[in-house]
């Protein structure tokens, strides 16, 4: 009786063992074999496409370019955004999708000559550009306001959002000034100041003057006290460095 019972127990144990081995090999082992380790997604923003590929490959991840779009602050060929985001956790062999930059969008400077300032501003805004500095040149009488010149010139390409400087002709009376005495003044400082006031420096001649610092003004035309109008030209003489 004991032998029979022992035999039954042994067969039962053996059967359970075999079933356990089969279950382990067919269910548990595949799960363990195919289980992938977790990886922290790196930050790829502003990284070049090649560098992003290398970084992900080292971590056992793949990369797919989702799309390309213009971006004002990221050069062409660099990552704008990614999914999953940086520092998220994913399994090995998964794919990180990225958006690549096409660089800043550019616009051609439109022709503005002959337009009023308002028309020029509207035209630039429609092209994604802005009015920069405006220099007004007064023409005596009832001259119609119009753009005389622009910088950069029409047809040049600028990054979207850039500014265009305008020289604007306007009607009116030119201001009159008494020509100051510029002798002894620094040439570079005075030249810039006169231009800011609307005068033109038609020429600068250099003469050797003993005991005078280079670029010191030693002569001028019109002379001190003469009446000049806004926009008139001025000739200067400065001490040379030789």
C-alpha atoms as a PDB file:
ATOM      1  CA  UNK A   1       0.000   0.000   0.000  1.00  0.00           C
ATOM      2  CA  UNK A   2       2.806   2.367   0.909  1.00  0.00           C
ATOM      3  CA  UNK A   3       4.644   1.477  -2.261  1.00  0.00           C
ATOM      4  CA  UNK A   4       1.584   2.252  -4.396  1.00  0.00           C
ATOM      5  CA  UNK A   5       1.047   5.541  -2.614  1.00  0.00           C
ATOM      6  CA  UNK A   6       4.691   6.446  -2.994  1.00  0.00           C
ATOM      7  CA  UNK A   7       4.544   5.639  -6.690  1.00  0.00           C
ATOM      8  CA  UNK A   8       1.496   7.847  -7.160  1.00  0.00           C
ATOM      9  CA  UNK A   9       3.169  10.729  -5.362  1.00  0.00           C
ATOM     10  CA  UNK A  10       6.317  10.317  -7.442  1.00  0.00           C
ATOM     11  CA  UNK A  11       4.390  10.319 -10.698  1.00  0.00           C
ATOM     12  CA  UNK A  12       2.439  13.357  -9.607  1.00  0.00           C
ATOM     13  CA  UNK A  13       5.593  15.261  -8.670  1.00  0.00           C
ATOM     14  CA  UNK A  14       7.258  14.292 -11.933  1.00  0.00           C
ATOM     15  CA  UNK A  15       4.213  15.400 -13.904  1.00  0.00           C
ATOM     16  CA  UNK A  16       4.121  18.741 -12.123  1.00  0.00           C
ATOM     17  CA  UNK A  17       7.843  19.193 -12.733  1.00  0.00           C
ATOM     18  CA  UNK A  18       7.463  18.497 -16.448  1.00  0.00           C
ATOM     19  CA  UNK A  19       4.519  20.880 -16.660  1.00  0.00           C
ATOM     20  CA  UNK A  20       6.561  23.495 -14.823  1.00  0.00           C
ATOM     21  CA  UNK A  21       9.458  23.124 -17.234  1.00  0.00           C
ATOM     22  CA  UNK A  22       7.142  23.390 -20.239  1.00  0.00           C
ATOM     23  CA  UNK A  23       5.412  26.449 -18.772  1.00  0.00           C
ATOM     24  CA  UNK A  24       8.752  28.128 -17.992  1.00  0.00           C
ATOM     25  CA  UNK A  25      10.177  27.471 -21.461  1.00  0.00           C
ATOM     26  CA  UNK A  26       7.034  28.465 -23.379  1.00  0.00           C
ATOM     27  CA  UNK A  27       5.825  31.442 -21.341  1.00  0.00           C
ATOM     28  CA  UNK A  28       8.318  32.798 -18.842  1.00  0.00           C
ATOM     29  CA  UNK A  29      11.514  32.513 -20.900  1.00  0.00           C
ATOM     30  CA  UNK A  30      10.148  34.343 -23.989  1.00  0.00           C
ATOM     31  CA  UNK A  31       9.035  37.206 -21.744  1.00  0.00           C
ATOM     32  CA  UNK A  32      12.455  37.401 -20.107  1.00  0.00           C
ATOM     33  CA  UNK A  33      14.310  37.091 -23.404  1.00  0.00           C
ATOM     34  CA  UNK A  34      12.253  39.768 -25.175  1.00  0.00           C
ATOM     35  CA  UNK A  35      12.099  42.159 -22.271  1.00  0.00           C
ATOM     36  CA  UNK A  36      14.053  45.344 -23.138  1.00  0.00           C
ATOM     37  CA  UNK A  37      15.812  47.584 -20.665  1.00  0.00           C
ATOM     38  CA  UNK A  38      14.591  51.139 -20.128  1.00  0.00           C
ATOM     39  CA  UNK A  39      16.474  54.103 -21.663  1.00  0.00           C
ATOM     40  CA  UNK A  40      16.329  57.788 -20.710  1.00  0.00           C
ATOM     41  CA  UNK A  41      15.714  59.886 -23.809  1.00  0.00           C
ATOM     42  CA  UNK A  42      18.505  62.477 -24.334  1.00  0.00           C
ATOM     43  CA  UNK A  43      17.912  66.163 -25.105  1.00  0.00           C
ATOM     44  CA  UNK A  44      18.347  66.569 -28.861  1.00  0.00           C
ATOM     45  CA  UNK A  45      17.178  70.168 -29.308  1.00  0.00           C
ATOM     46  CA  UNK A  46      19.616  72.300 -31.326  1.00  0.00           C
ATOM     47  CA  UNK A  47      21.713  69.181 -32.086  1.00  0.00           C
ATOM     48  CA  UNK A  48      22.664  68.395 -35.696  1.00  0.00           C
ATOM     49  CA  UNK A  49      20.932  65.514 -37.461  1.00  0.00           C
ATOM     50  CA  UNK A  50      24.145  63.454 -37.614  1.00  0.00           C
ATOM     51  CA  UNK A  51      24.931  64.005 -33.925  1.00  0.00           C
ATOM     52  CA  UNK A  52      21.356  63.116 -32.936  1.00  0.00           C
ATOM     53  CA  UNK A  53      21.604  59.876 -34.933  1.00  0.00           C
ATOM     54  CA  UNK A  54      24.877  58.927 -33.236  1.00  0.00           C
ATOM     55  CA  UNK A  55      23.590  59.763 -29.749  1.00  0.00           C
ATOM     56  CA  UNK A  56      20.434  57.663 -30.150  1.00  0.00           C
ATOM     57  CA  UNK A  57      22.296  54.763 -31.759  1.00  0.00           C
ATOM     58  CA  UNK A  58      24.624  54.498 -28.740  1.00  0.00           C
ATOM     59  CA  UNK A  59      21.543  54.148 -26.520  1.00  0.00           C
ATOM     60  CA  UNK A  60      19.969  51.518 -28.744  1.00  0.00           C
ATOM     61  CA  UNK A  61      17.283  53.860 -30.046  1.00  0.00           C
ATOM     62  CA  UNK A  62      16.163  54.781 -33.554  1.00  0.00           C
ATOM     63  CA  UNK A  63      15.396  58.205 -35.028  1.00  0.00           C
ATOM     64  CA  UNK A  64      12.740  59.261 -37.535  1.00  0.00           C
ATOM     65  CA  UNK A  65      12.349  62.743 -39.023  1.00  0.00           C
ATOM     66  CA  UNK A  66       8.696  63.690 -38.590  1.00  0.00           C
ATOM     67  CA  UNK A  67       8.855  66.907 -40.648  1.00  0.00           C
ATOM     68  CA  UNK A  68      10.945  70.019 -41.398  1.00  0.00           C
ATOM     69  CA  UNK A  69       9.966  73.589 -40.595  1.00  0.00           C
ATOM     70  CA  UNK A  70      11.461  77.093 -40.538  1.00  0.00           C
ATOM     71  CA  UNK A  71      12.809  78.338 -37.209  1.00  0.00           C
ATOM     72  CA  UNK A  72      14.338  81.801 -36.625  1.00  0.00           C
ATOM     73  CA  UNK A  73      16.764  80.682 -33.911  1.00  0.00           C
ATOM     74  CA  UNK A  74      17.914  77.198 -35.001  1.00  0.00           C
ATOM     75  CA  UNK A  75      20.106  76.666 -38.097  1.00  0.00           C
ATOM     76  CA  UNK A  76      19.052  74.377 -40.924  1.00  0.00           C
ATOM     77  CA  UNK A  77      19.781  70.697 -40.261  1.00  0.00           C
ATOM     78  CA  UNK A  78      19.416  70.932 -36.476  1.00  0.00           C
ATOM     79  CA  UNK A  79      16.680  69.498 -34.250  1.00  0.00           C
ATOM     80  CA  UNK A  80      13.804  71.815 -33.307  1.00  0.00           C
ATOM     81  CA  UNK A  81      11.776  69.417 -31.129  1.00  0.00           C
ATOM     82  CA  UNK A  82      11.431  65.724 -30.316  1.00  0.00           C
ATOM     83  CA  UNK A  83       8.968  63.082 -29.149  1.00  0.00           C
ATOM     84  CA  UNK A  84       9.308  61.526 -26.570  1.00  0.00           C
ATOM     85  CA  UNK A  85      10.659  64.583 -24.793  1.00  0.00           C
ATOM     86  CA  UNK A  86      14.079  64.715 -23.126  1.00  0.00           C
ATOM     87  CA  UNK A  87      14.431  62.779 -19.844  1.00  0.00           C
ATOM     88  CA  UNK A  88      11.397  60.569 -20.534  1.00  0.00           C
ATOM     89  CA  UNK A  89      11.932  56.790 -20.254  1.00  0.00           C
ATOM     90  CA  UNK A  90      11.337  54.374 -23.155  1.00  0.00           C
ATOM     91  CA  UNK A  91      12.374  50.812 -24.029  1.00  0.00           C
ATOM     92  CA  UNK A  92      15.411  50.012 -26.162  1.00  0.00           C
ATOM     93  CA  UNK A  93      14.916  49.791 -29.932  1.00  0.00           C
ATOM     94  CA  UNK A  94      12.053  52.289 -29.790  1.00  0.00           C
ATOM     95  CA  UNK A  95      11.967  55.315 -32.139  1.00  0.00           C
ATOM     96  CA  UNK A  96      12.411  58.985 -31.249  1.00  0.00           C
ATOM     97  CA  UNK A  97      10.651  61.313 -33.689  1.00  0.00           C
ATOM     98  CA  UNK A  98      12.248  64.704 -34.382  1.00  0.00           C
ATOM     99  CA  UNK A  99      11.330  67.928 -36.187  1.00  0.00           C
ATOM    100  CA  UNK A 100      14.261  69.384 -38.137  1.00  0.00           C
ATOM    101  CA  UNK A 101      14.918  73.064 -38.820  1.00  0.00           C
ATOM    102  CA  UNK A 102      15.007  74.587 -42.297  1.00  0.00           C
ATOM    103  CA  UNK A 103      16.655  77.676 -40.804  1.00  0.00           C
ATOM    104  CA  UNK A 104      15.191  81.152 -40.648  1.00  0.00           C
ATOM    105  CA  UNK A 105      12.683  82.095 -43.319  1.00  0.00           C
ATOM    106  CA  UNK A 106      14.047  84.754 -45.689  1.00  0.00           C
ATOM    107  CA  UNK A 107      12.260  87.474 -47.658  1.00  0.00           C
ATOM    108  CA  UNK A 108      13.288  89.644 -50.588  1.00  0.00           C
ATOM    109  CA  UNK A 109      13.299  93.391 -49.974  1.00  0.00           C
ATOM    110  CA  UNK A 110      10.484  94.899 -52.078  1.00  0.00           C
ATOM    111  CA  UNK A 111      10.839  98.025 -54.182  1.00  0.00           C
ATOM    112  CA  UNK A 112       9.720 100.988 -52.056  1.00  0.00           C
ATOM    113  CA  UNK A 113      10.911 104.023 -54.009  1.00  0.00           C
ATOM    114  CA  UNK A 114       8.158 106.503 -54.696  1.00  0.00           C
ATOM    115  CA  UNK A 115       5.948 105.238 -51.870  1.00  0.00           C
ATOM    116  CA  UNK A 116       4.861 107.228 -48.832  1.00  0.00           C
ATOM    117  CA  UNK A 117       6.215 106.107 -45.472  1.00  0.00           C
ATOM    118  CA  UNK A 118       2.831 104.577 -44.621  1.00  0.00           C
ATOM    119  CA  UNK A 119       2.740 102.616 -47.878  1.00  0.00           C
ATOM    120  CA  UNK A 120       6.335 101.458 -47.393  1.00  0.00           C
ATOM    121  CA  UNK A 121       5.625 100.302 -43.847  1.00  0.00           C
ATOM    122  CA  UNK A 122       2.577  98.311 -44.971  1.00  0.00           C
ATOM    123  CA  UNK A 123       4.484  96.725 -47.849  1.00  0.00           C
ATOM    124  CA  UNK A 124       7.328  95.662 -45.596  1.00  0.00           C
ATOM    125  CA  UNK A 125       4.989  94.216 -42.969  1.00  0.00           C
ATOM    126  CA  UNK A 126       3.238  92.092 -45.602  1.00  0.00           C
ATOM    127  CA  UNK A 127       6.655  90.680 -46.519  1.00  0.00           C
ATOM    128  CA  UNK A 128       7.552  89.931 -42.901  1.00  0.00           C
ATOM    129  CA  UNK A 129       9.983  92.865 -42.638  1.00  0.00           C
ATOM    130  CA  UNK A 130       9.990  96.092 -40.602  1.00  0.00           C
ATOM    131  CA  UNK A 131      10.885  99.758 -41.058  1.00  0.00           C
ATOM    132  CA  UNK A 132      14.218 100.586 -39.472  1.00  0.00           C
ATOM    133  CA  UNK A 133      15.770 104.051 -39.303  1.00  0.00           C
ATOM    134  CA  UNK A 134      14.071 106.837 -41.264  1.00  0.00           C
ATOM    135  CA  UNK A 135      16.222 109.745 -42.481  1.00  0.00           C
ATOM    136  CA  UNK A 136      14.182 112.697 -43.773  1.00  0.00           C
ATOM    137  CA  UNK A 137      15.521 114.954 -46.506  1.00  0.00           C
ATOM    138  CA  UNK A 138      13.679 118.289 -46.715  1.00  0.00           C
ATOM    139  CA  UNK A 139      12.816 119.702 -50.127  1.00  0.00           C
ATOM    140  CA  UNK A 140      11.652 123.300 -49.903  1.00  0.00           C
ATOM    141  CA  UNK A 141       8.095 123.797 -51.080  1.00  0.00           C
ATOM    142  CA  UNK A 142       5.170 121.403 -51.232  1.00  0.00           C
ATOM    143  CA  UNK A 143       7.085 118.320 -52.296  1.00  0.00           C
ATOM    144  CA  UNK A 144       5.114 115.093 -51.896  1.00  0.00           C
ATOM    145  CA  UNK A 145       6.455 112.696 -49.279  1.00  0.00           C
ATOM    146  CA  UNK A 146       8.142 109.740 -50.950  1.00  0.00           C
ATOM    147  CA  UNK A 147      10.860 107.162 -50.397  1.00  0.00           C
ATOM    148  CA  UNK A 148      14.086 108.149 -52.156  1.00  0.00           C
ATOM    149  CA  UNK A 149      16.325 105.227 -51.195  1.00  0.00           C
ATOM    150  CA  UNK A 150      16.414 102.139 -48.984  1.00  0.00           C
ATOM    151  CA  UNK A 151      19.094 100.005 -47.352  1.00  0.00           C
ATOM    152  CA  UNK A 152      19.436  97.087 -48.075  1.00  0.00           C
ATOM    153  CA  UNK A 153      18.480  97.571 -51.704  1.00  0.00           C
ATOM    154  CA  UNK A 154      15.379  96.085 -53.301  1.00  0.00           C
ATOM    155  CA  UNK A 155      15.832  92.434 -54.260  1.00  0.00           C
ATOM    156  CA  UNK A 156      18.248  91.550 -51.481  1.00  0.00           C
ATOM    157  CA  UNK A 157      17.280  88.691 -49.155  1.00  0.00           C
ATOM    158  CA  UNK A 158      16.845  89.299 -45.436  1.00  0.00           C
ATOM    159  CA  UNK A 159      15.925  87.063 -42.522  1.00  0.00           C
ATOM    160  CA  UNK A 160      12.239  87.424 -41.704  1.00  0.00           C
ATOM    161  CA  UNK A 161      11.719  90.183 -39.132  1.00  0.00           C
ATOM    162  CA  UNK A 162      14.754  92.227 -40.244  1.00  0.00           C
ATOM    163  CA  UNK A 163      14.592  95.997 -40.713  1.00  0.00           C
ATOM    164  CA  UNK A 164      14.973  98.190 -43.799  1.00  0.00           C
ATOM    165  CA  UNK A 165      16.315 101.747 -43.439  1.00  0.00           C
ATOM    166  CA  UNK A 166      14.572 104.460 -45.457  1.00  0.00           C
ATOM    167  CA  UNK A 167      15.599 107.857 -46.840  1.00  0.00           C
ATOM    168  CA  UNK A 168      12.373 109.875 -47.082  1.00  0.00           C
ATOM    169  CA  UNK A 169      11.882 113.077 -49.096  1.00  0.00           C
ATOM    170  CA  UNK A 170       9.497 115.500 -47.388  1.00  0.00           C
ATOM    171  CA  UNK A 171       8.337 119.008 -48.240  1.00  0.00           C
ATOM    172  CA  UNK A 172       8.800 122.031 -46.000  1.00  0.00           C
ATOM    173  CA  UNK A 173      11.226 124.753 -45.088  1.00  0.00           C
ATOM    174  CA  UNK A 174      14.798 123.810 -44.392  1.00  0.00           C
ATOM    175  CA  UNK A 175      16.104 124.913 -41.032  1.00  0.00           C
ATOM    176  CA  UNK A 176      18.745 127.631 -41.100  1.00  0.00           C
ATOM    177  CA  UNK A 177      21.793 127.656 -38.836  1.00  0.00           C
ATOM    178  CA  UNK A 178      24.756 129.901 -38.148  1.00  0.00           C
ATOM    179  CA  UNK A 179      27.866 127.911 -39.002  1.00  0.00           C
ATOM    180  CA  UNK A 180      29.774 127.188 -35.776  1.00  0.00           C
ATOM    181  CA  UNK A 181      33.527 127.443 -35.407  1.00  0.00           C
ATOM    182  CA  UNK A 182      34.781 123.849 -35.675  1.00  0.00           C
ATOM    183  CA  UNK A 183      38.503 124.580 -35.293  1.00  0.00           C
ATOM    184  CA  UNK A 184      40.184 122.400 -32.676  1.00  0.00           C
ATOM    185  CA  UNK A 185      37.355 119.831 -32.663  1.00  0.00           C
ATOM    186  CA  UNK A 186      37.888 116.108 -33.282  1.00  0.00           C
ATOM    187  CA  UNK A 187      37.098 115.259 -36.919  1.00  0.00           C
ATOM    188  CA  UNK A 188      35.451 111.875 -36.269  1.00  0.00           C
ATOM    189  CA  UNK A 189      33.126 113.263 -33.600  1.00  0.00           C
ATOM    190  CA  UNK A 190      32.141 116.381 -35.559  1.00  0.00           C
ATOM    191  CA  UNK A 191      31.603 114.500 -38.818  1.00  0.00           C
ATOM    192  CA  UNK A 192      29.140 112.132 -37.152  1.00  0.00           C
ATOM    193  CA  UNK A 193      27.371 114.959 -35.351  1.00  0.00           C
ATOM    194  CA  UNK A 194      26.955 117.025 -38.526  1.00  0.00           C
ATOM    195  CA  UNK A 195      25.531 114.037 -40.382  1.00  0.00           C
ATOM    196  CA  UNK A 196      23.038 113.438 -37.575  1.00  0.00           C
ATOM    197  CA  UNK A 197      21.917 117.067 -37.955  1.00  0.00           C
ATOM    198  CA  UNK A 198      21.223 116.524 -41.654  1.00  0.00           C
ATOM    199  CA  UNK A 199      24.345 118.081 -43.211  1.00  0.00           C
ATOM    200  CA  UNK A 200      26.533 116.515 -45.865  1.00  0.00           C
ATOM    201  CA  UNK A 201      30.324 116.350 -45.558  1.00  0.00           C
ATOM    202  CA  UNK A 202      31.321 116.814 -49.189  1.00  0.00           C
ATOM    203  CA  UNK A 203      35.070 116.496 -48.627  1.00  0.00           C
ATOM    204  CA  UNK A 204      37.783 116.210 -45.974  1.00  0.00           C
ATOM    205  CA  UNK A 205      41.302 117.396 -46.788  1.00  0.00           C
ATOM    206  CA  UNK A 206      44.362 116.677 -44.644  1.00  0.00           C
ATOM    207  CA  UNK A 207      47.245 119.066 -44.044  1.00  0.00           C
ATOM    208  CA  UNK A 208      50.408 118.691 -41.994  1.00  0.00           C
ATOM    209  CA  UNK A 209      50.284 120.973 -38.943  1.00  0.00           C
ATOM    210  CA  UNK A 210      53.130 120.932 -36.414  1.00  0.00           C
ATOM    211  CA  UNK A 211      52.017 120.588 -32.798  1.00  0.00           C
ATOM    212  CA  UNK A 212      48.431 119.650 -33.710  1.00  0.00           C
ATOM    213  CA  UNK A 213      47.002 116.222 -32.948  1.00  0.00           C
ATOM    214  CA  UNK A 214      46.010 114.169 -36.011  1.00  0.00           C
ATOM    215  CA  UNK A 215      42.333 114.436 -37.060  1.00  0.00           C
ATOM    216  CA  UNK A 216      41.949 117.833 -35.400  1.00  0.00           C
ATOM    217  CA  UNK A 217      39.905 120.241 -37.536  1.00  0.00           C
ATOM    218  CA  UNK A 218      41.974 123.214 -38.690  1.00  0.00           C
ATOM    219  CA  UNK A 219      39.764 124.648 -41.436  1.00  0.00           C
ATOM    220  CA  UNK A 220      36.204 124.679 -42.755  1.00  0.00           C
ATOM    221  CA  UNK A 221      33.869 125.931 -45.477  1.00  0.00           C
ATOM    222  CA  UNK A 222      31.469 127.707 -45.024  1.00  0.00           C
ATOM    223  CA  UNK A 223      33.397 129.828 -42.489  1.00  0.00           C
ATOM    224  CA  UNK A 224      32.222 130.374 -38.891  1.00  0.00           C
ATOM    225  CA  UNK A 225      29.151 132.611 -38.667  1.00  0.00           C
ATOM    226  CA  UNK A 226      27.916 131.979 -42.232  1.00  0.00           C
ATOM    227  CA  UNK A 227      24.255 130.997 -42.575  1.00  0.00           C
ATOM    228  CA  UNK A 228      23.685 127.426 -43.782  1.00  0.00           C
ATOM    229  CA  UNK A 229      20.551 125.401 -44.389  1.00  0.00           C
ATOM    230  CA  UNK A 230      19.697 121.853 -43.415  1.00  0.00           C
ATOM    231  CA  UNK A 231      21.106 119.467 -46.027  1.00  0.00           C
ATOM    232  CA  UNK A 232      23.845 121.843 -47.226  1.00  0.00           C
ATOM    233  CA  UNK A 233      27.334 120.449 -47.803  1.00  0.00           C
ATOM    234  CA  UNK A 234      30.337 121.300 -45.622  1.00  0.00           C
ATOM    235  CA  UNK A 235      34.027 120.967 -46.431  1.00  0.00           C
ATOM    236  CA  UNK A 236      36.552 120.303 -43.647  1.00  0.00           C
ATOM    237  CA  UNK A 237      40.322 120.454 -43.299  1.00  0.00           C
ATOM    238  CA  UNK A 238      42.014 118.295 -40.653  1.00  0.00           C
ATOM    239  CA  UNK A 239      45.570 117.806 -39.391  1.00  0.00           C
ATOM    240  CA  UNK A 240      47.277 114.746 -40.918  1.00  0.00           C
ATOM    241  CA  UNK A 241      49.139 112.078 -38.977  1.00  0.00           C
ATOM    242  CA  UNK A 242      52.370 112.520 -41.008  1.00  0.00           C
END
